[in-house]
Amino acid sequence: MSVERDRLASPLLSSLAAFVGAALRPRTMLARAIVIVLAIKLIAVAGMAVVAHFTDQSASIDAAAVDRLIGPPARR
């Protein structure tokens, strides 16, 4: 019994449990709004992943795309 209690008392698991508890029982209107927005974003990302999987689309990444994203390398 104490081994299970020690495992559940780890900082990572207790933080995760507090995070899930806060999402399930938001106390303020702002917290409720944040939970709703995050849930909508999660559904949207999952939907994009499903669409990309079923249409066999993959992102084309090349040197030009990386340069546009992070900029050209610094020159000295």
N, C-alpha and C. Protein backbone atom coordinates (compact mmCIF):
# COMPACT_ATOMS: atom_id res chain seq x y z
N MET A 1 0.82 -1.20 0.00
CA MET A 1 0.00 0.00 0.00
C MET A 1 0.86 1.25 0.00
N SER A 2 1.96 1.26 0.78
CA SER A 2 2.79 2.46 0.84
C SER A 2 3.55 2.68 -0.46
N VAL A 3 3.87 1.59 -1.19
CA VAL A 3 4.54 1.74 -2.48
C VAL A 3 3.62 2.47 -3.46
N GLU A 4 2.35 2.10 -3.47
CA GLU A 4 1.40 2.76 -4.35
C GLU A 4 1.23 4.23 -3.96
N ARG A 5 1.18 4.50 -2.66
CA ARG A 5 1.04 5.87 -2.19
C ARG A 5 2.27 6.69 -2.57
N ASP A 6 3.47 6.10 -2.45
CA ASP A 6 4.69 6.80 -2.83
C ASP A 6 4.72 7.09 -4.32
N ARG A 7 4.24 6.14 -5.12
CA ARG A 7 4.22 6.34 -6.57
C ARG A 7 3.26 7.48 -6.92
N LEU A 8 2.11 7.53 -6.27
CA LEU A 8 1.14 8.57 -6.56
C LEU A 8 1.56 9.92 -5.99
N ALA A 9 2.45 9.91 -5.03
CA ALA A 9 2.87 11.15 -4.41
C ALA A 9 4.03 11.80 -5.15
N SER A 10 4.47 11.23 -6.25
CA SER A 10 5.58 11.84 -6.99
C SER A 10 5.16 13.20 -7.51
N PRO A 11 6.09 14.11 -7.60
CA PRO A 11 5.74 15.48 -8.05
C PRO A 11 5.09 15.52 -9.43
N LEU A 12 5.56 14.70 -10.34
CA LEU A 12 5.01 14.71 -11.69
C LEU A 12 3.55 14.27 -11.69
N LEU A 13 3.27 13.18 -11.01
CA LEU A 13 1.90 12.68 -11.00
C LEU A 13 0.96 13.59 -10.22
N SER A 14 1.45 14.17 -9.14
CA SER A 14 0.58 15.07 -8.39
C SER A 14 0.30 16.34 -9.18
N SER A 15 1.28 16.83 -9.94
CA SER A 15 1.05 18.00 -10.79
C SER A 15 0.05 17.67 -11.90
N LEU A 16 0.21 16.49 -12.48
CA LEU A 16 -0.70 16.08 -13.54
C LEU A 16 -2.11 15.91 -12.99
N ALA A 17 -2.23 15.35 -11.81
CA ALA A 17 -3.55 15.18 -11.20
C ALA A 17 -4.19 16.53 -10.90
N ALA A 18 -3.40 17.49 -10.44
CA ALA A 18 -3.93 18.83 -10.16
C ALA A 18 -4.36 19.51 -11.45
N PHE A 19 -3.60 19.33 -12.53
CA PHE A 19 -3.94 19.92 -13.82
C PHE A 19 -5.26 19.35 -14.34
N VAL A 20 -5.40 18.04 -14.29
CA VAL A 20 -6.63 17.40 -14.76
C VAL A 20 -7.80 17.81 -13.87
N GLY A 21 -7.57 17.87 -12.57
CA GLY A 21 -8.63 18.29 -11.66
C GLY A 21 -9.09 19.71 -11.93
N ALA A 22 -8.16 20.59 -12.24
CA ALA A 22 -8.51 21.98 -12.55
C ALA A 22 -9.30 22.07 -13.85
N ALA A 23 -8.97 21.21 -14.81
CA ALA A 23 -9.70 21.22 -16.08
C ALA A 23 -11.11 20.65 -15.91
N LEU A 24 -11.26 19.69 -15.03
CA LEU A 24 -12.57 19.08 -14.85
C LEU A 24 -13.49 19.92 -13.98
N ARG A 25 -12.90 20.71 -13.08
CA ARG A 25 -13.72 21.52 -12.17
C ARG A 25 -13.24 22.98 -12.18
N PRO A 26 -13.40 23.69 -13.29
CA PRO A 26 -12.96 25.09 -13.31
C PRO A 26 -13.79 25.92 -12.34
N ARG A 27 -13.13 26.78 -11.59
CA ARG A 27 -13.79 27.52 -10.52
C ARG A 27 -14.33 28.88 -10.95
N THR A 28 -13.72 29.49 -11.94
CA THR A 28 -14.15 30.83 -12.35
C THR A 28 -14.62 30.81 -13.80
N MET A 29 -15.26 31.88 -14.20
CA MET A 29 -15.71 31.98 -15.60
C MET A 29 -14.52 32.00 -16.56
N LEU A 30 -13.44 32.67 -16.17
CA LEU A 30 -12.25 32.71 -17.02
C LEU A 30 -11.67 31.32 -17.18
N ALA A 31 -11.59 30.56 -16.09
CA ALA A 31 -11.06 29.20 -16.17
C ALA A 31 -11.94 28.34 -17.06
N ARG A 32 -13.24 28.50 -16.96
CA ARG A 32 -14.16 27.73 -17.82
C ARG A 32 -13.95 28.09 -19.29
N ALA A 33 -13.78 29.37 -19.56
CA ALA A 33 -13.56 29.81 -20.94
C ALA A 33 -12.24 29.25 -21.48
N ILE A 34 -11.21 29.24 -20.66
CA ILE A 34 -9.92 28.71 -21.09
C ILE A 34 -10.04 27.22 -21.39
N VAL A 35 -10.72 26.47 -20.56
CA VAL A 35 -10.91 25.04 -20.78
C VAL A 35 -11.67 24.80 -22.08
N ILE A 36 -12.69 25.58 -22.33
CA ILE A 36 -13.48 25.42 -23.56
C ILE A 36 -12.62 25.71 -24.79
N VAL A 37 -11.85 26.78 -24.76
CA VAL A 37 -11.00 27.14 -25.90
C VAL A 37 -9.94 26.07 -26.13
N LEU A 38 -9.32 25.57 -25.07
CA LEU A 38 -8.31 24.53 -25.23
C LEU A 38 -8.92 23.24 -25.77
N ALA A 39 -10.13 22.91 -25.35
CA ALA A 39 -10.80 21.72 -25.87
C ALA A 39 -11.10 21.87 -27.36
N ILE A 40 -11.56 23.06 -27.76
CA ILE A 40 -11.82 23.31 -29.19
C ILE A 40 -10.54 23.20 -30.00
N LYS A 41 -9.44 23.76 -29.47
CA LYS A 41 -8.16 23.66 -30.18
C LYS A 41 -7.71 22.22 -30.30
N LEU A 42 -7.88 21.43 -29.25
CA LEU A 42 -7.49 20.04 -29.28
C LEU A 42 -8.29 19.27 -30.32
N ILE A 43 -9.57 19.55 -30.39
CA ILE A 43 -10.43 18.90 -31.40
C ILE A 43 -10.00 19.31 -32.80
N ALA A 44 -9.65 20.58 -32.99
CA ALA A 44 -9.23 21.05 -34.31
C ALA A 44 -7.92 20.39 -34.73
N VAL A 45 -6.97 20.29 -33.83
CA VAL A 45 -5.69 19.66 -34.16
C VAL A 45 -5.88 18.18 -34.46
N ALA A 46 -6.71 17.52 -33.68
CA ALA A 46 -6.99 16.10 -33.94
C ALA A 46 -7.68 15.94 -35.29
N GLY A 47 -8.59 16.84 -35.61
CA GLY A 47 -9.26 16.78 -36.91
C GLY A 47 -8.30 16.98 -38.07
N MET A 48 -7.38 17.92 -37.92
CA MET A 48 -6.38 18.13 -38.97
C MET A 48 -5.51 16.90 -39.14
N ALA A 49 -5.16 16.25 -38.03
CA ALA A 49 -4.33 15.05 -38.13
C ALA A 49 -5.07 13.92 -38.83
N VAL A 50 -6.36 13.78 -38.55
CA VAL A 50 -7.16 12.74 -39.19
C VAL A 50 -7.28 13.03 -40.69
N VAL A 51 -7.56 14.26 -41.04
CA VAL A 51 -7.67 14.62 -42.46
C VAL A 51 -6.35 14.39 -43.18
N ALA A 52 -5.25 14.80 -42.57
CA ALA A 52 -3.94 14.60 -43.20
C ALA A 52 -3.61 13.12 -43.34
N HIS A 53 -4.03 12.32 -42.39
CA HIS A 53 -3.75 10.88 -42.45
C HIS A 53 -4.56 10.21 -43.57
N PHE A 54 -5.83 10.54 -43.66
CA PHE A 54 -6.68 9.87 -44.65
C PHE A 54 -6.46 10.38 -46.07
N THR A 55 -5.94 11.58 -46.23
CA THR A 55 -5.67 12.08 -47.58
C THR A 55 -4.22 11.84 -47.99
N ASP A 56 -3.45 11.20 -47.12
CA ASP A 56 -2.04 10.89 -47.38
C ASP A 56 -1.24 12.14 -47.74
N GLN A 57 -1.57 13.23 -47.12
CA GLN A 57 -0.82 14.47 -47.33
C GLN A 57 0.32 14.53 -46.33
N SER A 58 1.44 15.00 -46.79
CA SER A 58 2.57 15.21 -45.88
C SER A 58 3.14 16.59 -46.15
N ALA A 59 3.70 17.16 -45.15
CA ALA A 59 4.26 18.50 -45.30
C ALA A 59 5.55 18.41 -46.11
N SER A 60 5.66 19.26 -47.09
CA SER A 60 6.90 19.29 -47.86
C SER A 60 7.82 20.32 -47.22
N ILE A 61 8.89 19.83 -46.69
CA ILE A 61 9.84 20.70 -46.01
C ILE A 61 11.14 20.65 -46.80
N ASP A 62 11.56 21.81 -47.23
CA ASP A 62 12.84 21.90 -47.92
C ASP A 62 13.60 23.09 -47.37
N ALA A 63 14.77 23.35 -47.90
CA ALA A 63 15.62 24.41 -47.38
C ALA A 63 14.95 25.78 -47.52
N ALA A 64 14.21 25.99 -48.59
CA ALA A 64 13.55 27.28 -48.79
C ALA A 64 12.47 27.50 -47.74
N ALA A 65 11.72 26.45 -47.40
CA ALA A 65 10.68 26.58 -46.38
C ALA A 65 11.29 26.88 -45.02
N VAL A 66 12.40 26.24 -44.70
CA VAL A 66 13.06 26.50 -43.42
C VAL A 66 13.60 27.92 -43.40
N ASP A 67 14.16 28.40 -44.49
CA ASP A 67 14.64 29.78 -44.54
C ASP A 67 13.51 30.77 -44.34
N ARG A 68 12.36 30.50 -44.90
CA ARG A 68 11.22 31.40 -44.70
C ARG A 68 10.75 31.38 -43.26
N LEU A 69 10.84 30.24 -42.62
CA LEU A 69 10.36 30.10 -41.25
C LEU A 69 11.29 30.74 -40.24
N ILE A 70 12.57 30.42 -40.31
CA ILE A 70 13.50 30.92 -39.29
C ILE A 70 14.44 31.99 -39.80
N GLY A 71 14.39 32.26 -41.08
CA GLY A 71 15.25 33.29 -41.64
C GLY A 71 16.56 32.71 -42.11
N PRO A 72 17.24 33.44 -42.94
CA PRO A 72 18.52 32.94 -43.45
C PRO A 72 19.56 32.90 -42.33
N PRO A 73 20.61 32.10 -42.51
CA PRO A 73 21.64 32.05 -41.47
C PRO A 73 22.37 33.38 -41.35
N ALA A 74 22.81 33.68 -40.16
CA ALA A 74 23.53 34.94 -39.92
C ALA A 74 24.88 34.88 -40.60
N ARG A 75 25.23 35.99 -41.21
CA ARG A 75 26.54 36.08 -41.89
C ARG A 75 27.45 36.98 -41.09
N ARG A 76 28.70 36.58 -41.03
CA ARG A 76 29.67 37.38 -40.26
C ARG A 76 30.64 38.04 -41.18
